[in-house]
Amino acid sequence: MANDAGLSAEPINFEIAAAHATSRVPIASPASLVADVRAELMGGDFDTANLVVVEDQGLFRGIVRLEALLAAPPRQLIGDLMDREPPVVAPGVDQEVAAWRAVRHREAALVLVDASGRFQGVIPPDRLLAILLAEHDEDLTRIGGFMKDTAAVRTASLEPVPRRFRHRLPWLLVGLAGAFVAAGFVARFEEQLQQMLILVFFIPGIVYLADAVGTQTETVVVRGLSVGVPLRRMVARELAAGLAIGLALGMTAGPLVYLLWHDLDVALIVALSVSAACSTATLVAMLLPWLLSMSGRDPAFGSGPLATVVQDLLSILIYFGIATALM
């Protein structure tokens, strides 16, 4: 009654339905009596027994669910009781497609049938649930832009404190070094600051706006890379968006500075600096995640701190460079 043949001796692709199926299930013919099938179930050793597969001359004909088998009259034929059109999938179908087909049809298990109509196995309820959980985790991590590998995500989430420390601290030390370099850049423009102290007031705002624009682009790029979208498909649109955002912020900041401080030179410096810094932030935020991804490092850990450092330095250089040129 039970089919003990294995599915395949070839290397298994764990992303397809066949990798999760078993053929150790109750099997009967359409001419079998309900009483006989029940008796064989009592002494059988199956991986799952919540349905009986019905075969005739080697071809799949349908299934009988356990609850229907238990409720049927003993002398009824299995062929009269079976569901002739249950949901089935091919062995090579993606595991997620298979699992969701079972969910949509409210099936506790799913039957695999090949192109010739022969029964290949059943995905039991516990394996369907495991597939759904794994695919759910993978979708969330990809949407969040963390990692492609769900196992790697779980490892990173559960790793001990010393490993967390080692993974994160180096990037933050890079940020600390960048802070000292930024302080050095500001010191080099001491003369300009003495001539126009008001310039100091706008450094935090320009740096923040550039970082914010860069963070938005970085999030889009990291998410895109994590789901396999090539950078070349994102470059043109992100650059155009960054340029448009930079121009819009600059055209907004300039008049506001002039309205509040009544200094046309400062207003022009701030407007140009905001536009240039925000536009370059988009380029930096695209390149760094891509470089980290190409080098085999997780862009979710490194791109944020590194992009912040690089963009902060560029924003300060752009700001004081424009100020020096216009003063």
Protein backbone atom coordinates (compact mmCIF):
# COMPACT_ATOMS: atom_id res chain seq x y z
CA MET A 1 0.00 0.00 0.00
CA ALA A 2 2.79 2.46 0.82
CA ASN A 3 5.13 3.56 -1.95
CA ASP A 4 8.66 3.37 -0.51
CA ALA A 5 10.51 4.45 -3.66
CA GLY A 6 12.72 7.50 -3.29
CA LEU A 7 12.12 10.57 -5.40
CA SER A 8 15.59 10.94 -6.93
CA ALA A 9 19.19 9.98 -6.31
CA GLU A 10 20.47 13.16 -7.97
CA PRO A 11 21.69 16.20 -5.97
CA ILE A 12 18.69 17.99 -4.49
CA ASN A 13 17.78 21.59 -5.20
CA PHE A 14 16.21 22.61 -1.90
CA GLU A 15 14.29 25.48 -3.50
CA ILE A 16 11.94 23.18 -5.44
CA ALA A 17 8.89 21.25 -4.28
CA ALA A 18 10.41 17.79 -4.84
CA ALA A 19 13.04 18.43 -2.17
CA HIS A 20 10.32 18.51 0.50
CA ALA A 21 8.12 15.64 -0.72
CA THR A 22 7.83 12.07 0.51
CA SER A 23 6.40 9.04 -1.26
CA ARG A 24 5.89 7.13 2.01
CA VAL A 25 2.14 7.79 2.08
CA PRO A 26 -1.00 5.60 1.89
CA ILE A 27 -1.77 4.57 -1.68
CA ALA A 28 -4.88 2.77 -2.94
CA SER A 29 -6.62 1.93 -6.20
CA PRO A 30 -10.06 3.24 -7.20
CA ALA A 31 -11.44 -0.29 -6.79
CA SER A 32 -10.32 -0.61 -3.15
CA LEU A 33 -12.95 -0.74 -0.42
CA VAL A 34 -12.98 1.88 2.33
CA ALA A 35 -12.84 -0.88 4.97
CA ASP A 36 -9.71 -2.41 3.41
CA VAL A 37 -7.92 0.95 3.22
CA ARG A 38 -8.75 1.72 6.85
CA ALA A 39 -7.36 -1.67 7.91
CA GLU A 40 -4.10 -1.08 6.04
CA LEU A 41 -3.78 2.37 7.59
CA MET A 42 -3.85 0.84 11.06
CA GLY A 43 -0.66 -1.13 10.49
CA GLY A 44 1.14 1.19 8.10
CA ASP A 45 4.30 3.22 8.67
CA PHE A 46 3.95 6.52 6.83
CA ASP A 47 5.58 9.94 6.82
CA THR A 48 2.12 11.44 6.56
CA ALA A 49 -1.32 9.82 6.54
CA ASN A 50 -3.73 12.72 6.37
CA LEU A 51 -4.67 11.73 2.82
CA VAL A 52 -4.73 8.59 0.67
CA VAL A 53 -3.29 8.86 -2.85
CA VAL A 54 -5.36 7.05 -5.47
CA GLU A 55 -3.47 5.46 -8.38
CA ASP A 56 -4.64 3.35 -11.32
CA GLN A 57 -2.12 1.57 -13.57
CA GLY A 58 0.64 3.84 -12.33
CA LEU A 59 -1.23 7.08 -13.00
CA PHE A 60 -2.45 9.53 -10.37
CA ARG A 61 -6.25 9.64 -10.15
CA GLY A 62 -7.05 11.67 -7.04
CA ILE A 63 -6.94 11.74 -3.26
CA VAL A 64 -9.14 10.77 -0.34
CA ARG A 65 -8.81 12.95 2.74
CA LEU A 66 -8.58 11.14 6.05
CA GLU A 67 -11.72 12.73 7.46
CA ALA A 68 -13.71 11.56 4.41
CA LEU A 69 -12.26 8.05 4.70
CA LEU A 70 -13.24 7.75 8.35
CA ALA A 71 -16.77 8.98 7.71
CA ALA A 72 -17.49 6.81 4.65
CA PRO A 73 -19.44 3.47 4.68
CA PRO A 74 -17.08 0.45 4.89
CA ARG A 75 -18.28 -1.05 1.57
CA GLN A 76 -17.93 2.16 -0.45
CA LEU A 77 -15.33 2.20 -3.23
CA ILE A 78 -12.39 4.58 -2.95
CA GLY A 79 -13.00 5.64 -6.55
CA ASP A 80 -16.46 6.94 -5.58
CA LEU A 81 -15.09 8.77 -2.58
CA MET A 82 -11.96 10.39 -4.00
CA ASP A 83 -11.47 13.98 -5.03
CA ARG A 84 -10.62 13.73 -8.74
CA GLU A 85 -9.30 17.29 -9.12
CA PRO A 86 -7.20 18.12 -6.07
CA PRO A 87 -4.51 20.84 -6.33
CA VAL A 88 -1.25 19.33 -7.59
CA VAL A 89 2.12 20.74 -8.63
CA ALA A 90 5.03 19.52 -10.72
CA PRO A 91 8.13 18.32 -8.82
CA GLY A 92 10.24 21.18 -10.20
CA VAL A 93 7.93 23.98 -9.09
CA ASP A 94 9.44 26.54 -6.72
CA GLN A 95 8.79 25.65 -3.08
CA GLU A 96 7.08 28.95 -2.32
CA VAL A 97 4.65 28.55 -5.23
CA ALA A 98 3.83 25.04 -4.05
CA ALA A 99 3.23 26.08 -0.45
CA TRP A 100 0.98 28.98 -1.37
CA ARG A 101 -1.04 26.77 -3.71
CA ALA A 102 -1.77 24.48 -0.79
CA VAL A 103 -2.75 27.47 1.36
CA ARG A 104 -5.09 28.92 -1.29
CA HIS A 105 -6.87 25.57 -1.67
CA ARG A 106 -6.96 25.03 2.10
CA GLU A 107 -5.05 21.78 1.80
CA ALA A 108 -3.04 20.35 4.70
CA ALA A 109 -0.72 18.57 2.25
CA LEU A 110 0.12 18.92 -1.43
CA VAL A 111 0.53 16.21 -4.09
CA LEU A 112 3.32 16.25 -6.69
CA VAL A 113 2.52 14.83 -10.13
CA ASP A 114 4.92 14.80 -13.10
CA ALA A 115 4.14 15.72 -16.70
CA SER A 116 3.12 12.13 -17.55
CA GLY A 117 0.55 12.07 -14.76
CA ARG A 118 2.49 9.83 -12.39
CA PHE A 119 2.46 10.38 -8.64
CA GLN A 120 5.81 11.67 -7.33
CA GLY A 121 5.17 12.41 -3.68
CA VAL A 122 3.35 14.47 -1.07
CA ILE A 123 4.57 17.52 0.82
CA PRO A 124 3.37 16.90 4.42
CA PRO A 125 1.82 19.65 6.57
CA ASP A 126 4.92 20.21 8.74
CA ARG A 127 7.11 20.70 5.68
CA LEU A 128 4.62 23.09 4.09
CA LEU A 129 4.69 25.14 7.27
CA ALA A 130 8.50 25.13 7.30
CA ILE A 131 8.56 26.35 3.68
CA LEU A 132 6.14 29.19 4.44
CA LEU A 133 8.17 30.26 7.48
CA ALA A 134 11.46 30.19 5.57
CA GLU A 135 10.03 32.14 2.63
CA HIS A 136 8.42 34.66 4.99
CA ASP A 137 11.75 35.28 6.73
CA GLU A 138 13.53 35.60 3.40
CA ASP A 139 10.98 38.09 2.06
CA LEU A 140 11.24 40.24 5.18
CA THR A 141 15.03 40.31 5.11
CA ARG A 142 15.06 41.19 1.45
CA ILE A 143 12.49 43.95 1.85
CA GLY A 144 14.48 45.27 4.81
CA GLY A 145 17.61 45.17 2.67
CA PHE A 146 19.72 43.12 5.06
CA MET A 147 20.92 39.90 3.46
CA LYS A 148 19.95 37.43 0.77
CA ASP A 149 20.60 34.45 3.01
CA THR A 150 17.99 33.84 5.70
CA ALA A 151 20.39 31.63 7.65
CA ALA A 152 22.91 34.46 7.72
CA VAL A 153 20.24 36.81 9.02
CA ARG A 154 19.36 34.45 11.85
CA THR A 155 23.05 34.05 12.71
CA ALA A 156 23.57 37.81 12.81
CA SER A 157 20.46 38.26 14.96
CA LEU A 158 21.45 35.61 17.51
CA GLU A 159 25.24 36.01 17.59
CA PRO A 160 26.85 36.72 20.99
CA VAL A 161 27.85 40.18 22.17
CA PRO A 162 31.61 39.82 21.36
CA ARG A 163 30.83 39.01 17.72
CA ARG A 164 28.32 41.85 17.48
CA PHE A 165 31.04 44.12 18.86
CA ARG A 166 33.59 42.93 16.29
CA HIS A 167 31.19 43.28 13.37
CA ARG A 168 30.05 46.81 14.14
CA LEU A 169 32.90 48.62 15.86
CA PRO A 170 35.29 48.82 12.86
CA TRP A 171 32.77 50.77 10.80
CA LEU A 172 32.11 53.15 13.68
CA LEU A 173 35.85 53.68 14.16
CA VAL A 174 35.94 54.73 10.52
CA GLY A 175 33.25 57.25 11.40
CA LEU A 176 35.28 58.54 14.35
CA ALA A 177 38.31 59.00 12.13
CA GLY A 178 36.12 60.87 9.65
CA ALA A 179 34.98 63.21 12.42
CA PHE A 180 38.58 64.19 13.13
CA VAL A 181 39.25 64.69 9.43
CA ALA A 182 36.14 66.88 9.18
CA ALA A 183 37.36 68.96 12.11
CA GLY A 184 40.66 69.40 10.27
CA PHE A 185 38.83 70.58 7.14
CA VAL A 186 36.87 73.15 9.13
CA ALA A 187 40.09 74.39 10.75
CA ARG A 188 41.62 75.00 7.31
CA PHE A 189 38.85 77.50 6.61
CA GLU A 190 39.40 79.43 9.83
CA GLU A 191 40.13 82.64 7.96
CA GLN A 192 36.84 82.54 6.07
CA LEU A 193 34.97 81.80 9.29
CA GLN A 194 36.55 84.78 11.02
CA GLN A 195 35.48 87.03 8.16
CA MET A 196 31.93 85.68 8.13
CA LEU A 197 31.06 83.88 11.36
CA ILE A 198 27.51 83.34 10.19
CA LEU A 199 28.76 80.55 7.93
CA VAL A 200 29.22 78.31 10.99
CA PHE A 201 25.50 78.42 11.68
CA PHE A 202 24.62 76.49 8.52
CA ILE A 203 27.17 73.65 8.71
CA PRO A 204 24.88 71.27 10.68
CA GLY A 205 21.93 71.94 8.39
CA ILE A 206 23.84 71.32 5.17
CA VAL A 207 25.46 68.16 6.54
CA TYR A 208 22.12 66.87 7.82
CA LEU A 209 20.28 67.47 4.54
CA ALA A 210 22.98 65.73 2.53
CA ASP A 211 22.97 62.77 4.94
CA ALA A 212 19.17 62.53 4.78
CA VAL A 213 19.15 62.47 0.98
CA GLY A 214 21.97 59.92 0.99
CA THR A 215 20.14 57.72 3.50
CA GLN A 216 17.04 57.63 1.31
CA THR A 217 19.07 56.63 -1.74
CA GLU A 218 21.12 54.13 0.27
CA THR A 219 17.96 52.40 1.51
CA VAL A 220 16.61 52.05 -2.02
CA VAL A 221 19.93 50.74 -3.36
CA VAL A 222 20.56 48.26 -0.53
CA ARG A 223 17.05 46.88 -0.89
CA GLY A 224 17.45 46.65 -4.65
CA LEU A 225 20.78 44.85 -4.41
CA SER A 226 19.39 42.45 -1.80
CA VAL A 227 16.68 41.27 -4.21
CA GLY A 228 18.99 41.08 -7.21
CA VAL A 229 18.22 44.37 -8.98
CA PRO A 230 21.44 45.44 -10.78
CA LEU A 231 22.82 48.87 -9.94
CA ARG A 232 22.74 49.97 -13.57
CA ARG A 233 18.95 49.84 -13.51
CA MET A 234 18.82 52.25 -10.57
CA VAL A 235 21.62 54.71 -11.40
CA ALA A 236 19.92 57.03 -13.88
CA ARG A 237 16.69 57.42 -11.92
CA GLU A 238 18.40 57.90 -8.58
CA LEU A 239 20.85 60.47 -9.98
CA ALA A 240 18.00 62.39 -11.60
CA ALA A 241 15.98 62.24 -8.38
CA GLY A 242 18.98 63.39 -6.31
CA LEU A 243 19.64 66.31 -8.63
CA ALA A 244 15.99 67.36 -8.57
CA ILE A 245 15.83 67.09 -4.77
CA GLY A 246 19.06 69.06 -4.39
CA LEU A 247 17.80 71.86 -6.64
CA ALA A 248 14.47 71.98 -4.83
CA LEU A 249 16.12 72.17 -1.39
CA GLY A 250 18.62 74.77 -2.56
CA MET A 251 15.91 76.96 -4.09
CA THR A 252 14.00 76.70 -0.81
CA ALA A 253 16.96 77.32 1.52
CA GLY A 254 18.34 80.38 -0.31
CA PRO A 255 15.28 82.62 0.00
CA LEU A 256 14.71 81.54 3.60
CA VAL A 257 18.29 82.46 4.59
CA TYR A 258 17.97 85.84 2.90
CA LEU A 259 14.57 86.46 4.53
CA LEU A 260 15.89 85.66 8.03
CA TRP A 261 19.46 87.08 7.87
CA HIS A 262 19.20 89.66 5.07
CA ASP A 263 22.56 88.65 3.56
CA LEU A 264 22.47 87.90 -0.14
CA ASP A 265 25.99 86.40 -0.26
CA VAL A 266 25.28 83.95 2.54
CA ALA A 267 21.92 83.03 1.00
CA LEU A 268 23.61 82.27 -2.32
CA ILE A 269 26.37 80.24 -0.64
CA VAL A 270 23.85 78.18 1.32
CA ALA A 271 21.59 77.62 -1.70
CA LEU A 272 24.43 76.41 -3.93
CA SER A 273 25.95 74.30 -1.16
CA VAL A 274 22.69 72.55 -0.33
CA SER A 275 22.05 71.79 -4.01
CA ALA A 276 25.57 70.45 -4.63
CA ALA A 277 25.87 68.49 -1.37
CA CYS A 278 22.48 66.79 -1.77
CA SER A 279 23.16 65.91 -5.39
CA THR A 280 26.54 64.32 -4.61
CA ALA A 281 25.00 62.47 -1.65
CA THR A 282 22.95 60.41 -4.09
CA LEU A 283 26.07 59.33 -5.98
CA VAL A 284 27.94 58.39 -2.79
CA ALA A 285 24.95 56.48 -1.41
CA MET A 286 24.74 54.41 -4.60
CA LEU A 287 28.41 53.63 -5.02
CA LEU A 288 29.30 52.54 -1.49
CA PRO A 289 26.61 49.82 -1.04
CA TRP A 290 27.49 48.50 -4.51
CA LEU A 291 31.23 48.39 -3.73
CA LEU A 292 30.59 46.62 -0.41
CA SER A 293 28.25 44.14 -2.09
CA MET A 294 30.81 43.42 -4.83
CA SER A 295 33.51 42.84 -2.20
CA GLY A 296 31.34 40.23 -0.46
CA ARG A 297 30.57 42.36 2.61
CA ASP A 298 27.08 42.97 3.93
CA PRO A 299 26.11 46.50 2.76
CA ALA A 300 23.57 46.88 5.58
CA PHE A 301 26.35 47.03 8.20
CA GLY A 302 28.99 49.10 6.42
CA SER A 303 27.31 51.38 3.94
CA GLY A 304 25.54 53.54 6.56
CA PRO A 305 28.57 54.58 8.66
CA LEU A 306 30.92 54.77 5.67
CA ALA A 307 28.52 56.76 3.51
CA THR A 308 27.90 59.17 6.40
CA VAL A 309 31.61 59.85 6.84
CA VAL A 310 32.31 60.33 3.15
CA GLN A 311 29.28 62.51 2.60
CA ASP A 312 29.94 64.66 5.65
CA LEU A 313 33.46 65.36 4.42
CA LEU A 314 32.22 66.15 0.92
CA SER A 315 29.48 68.43 2.26
CA ILE A 316 31.98 70.44 4.31
CA LEU A 317 34.40 70.70 1.38
CA ILE A 318 31.60 71.75 -0.97
CA TYR A 319 30.29 74.33 1.50
CA PHE A 320 33.59 76.01 2.22
CA GLY A 321 34.75 75.66 -1.35
CA ILE A 322 31.72 77.60 -2.58
CA ALA A 323 32.08 80.09 0.27
CA THR A 324 35.74 80.71 -0.59
CA ALA A 325 34.96 81.16 -4.27
CA LEU A 326 32.10 83.62 -3.70
CA MET A 327 33.79 85.59 -0.88
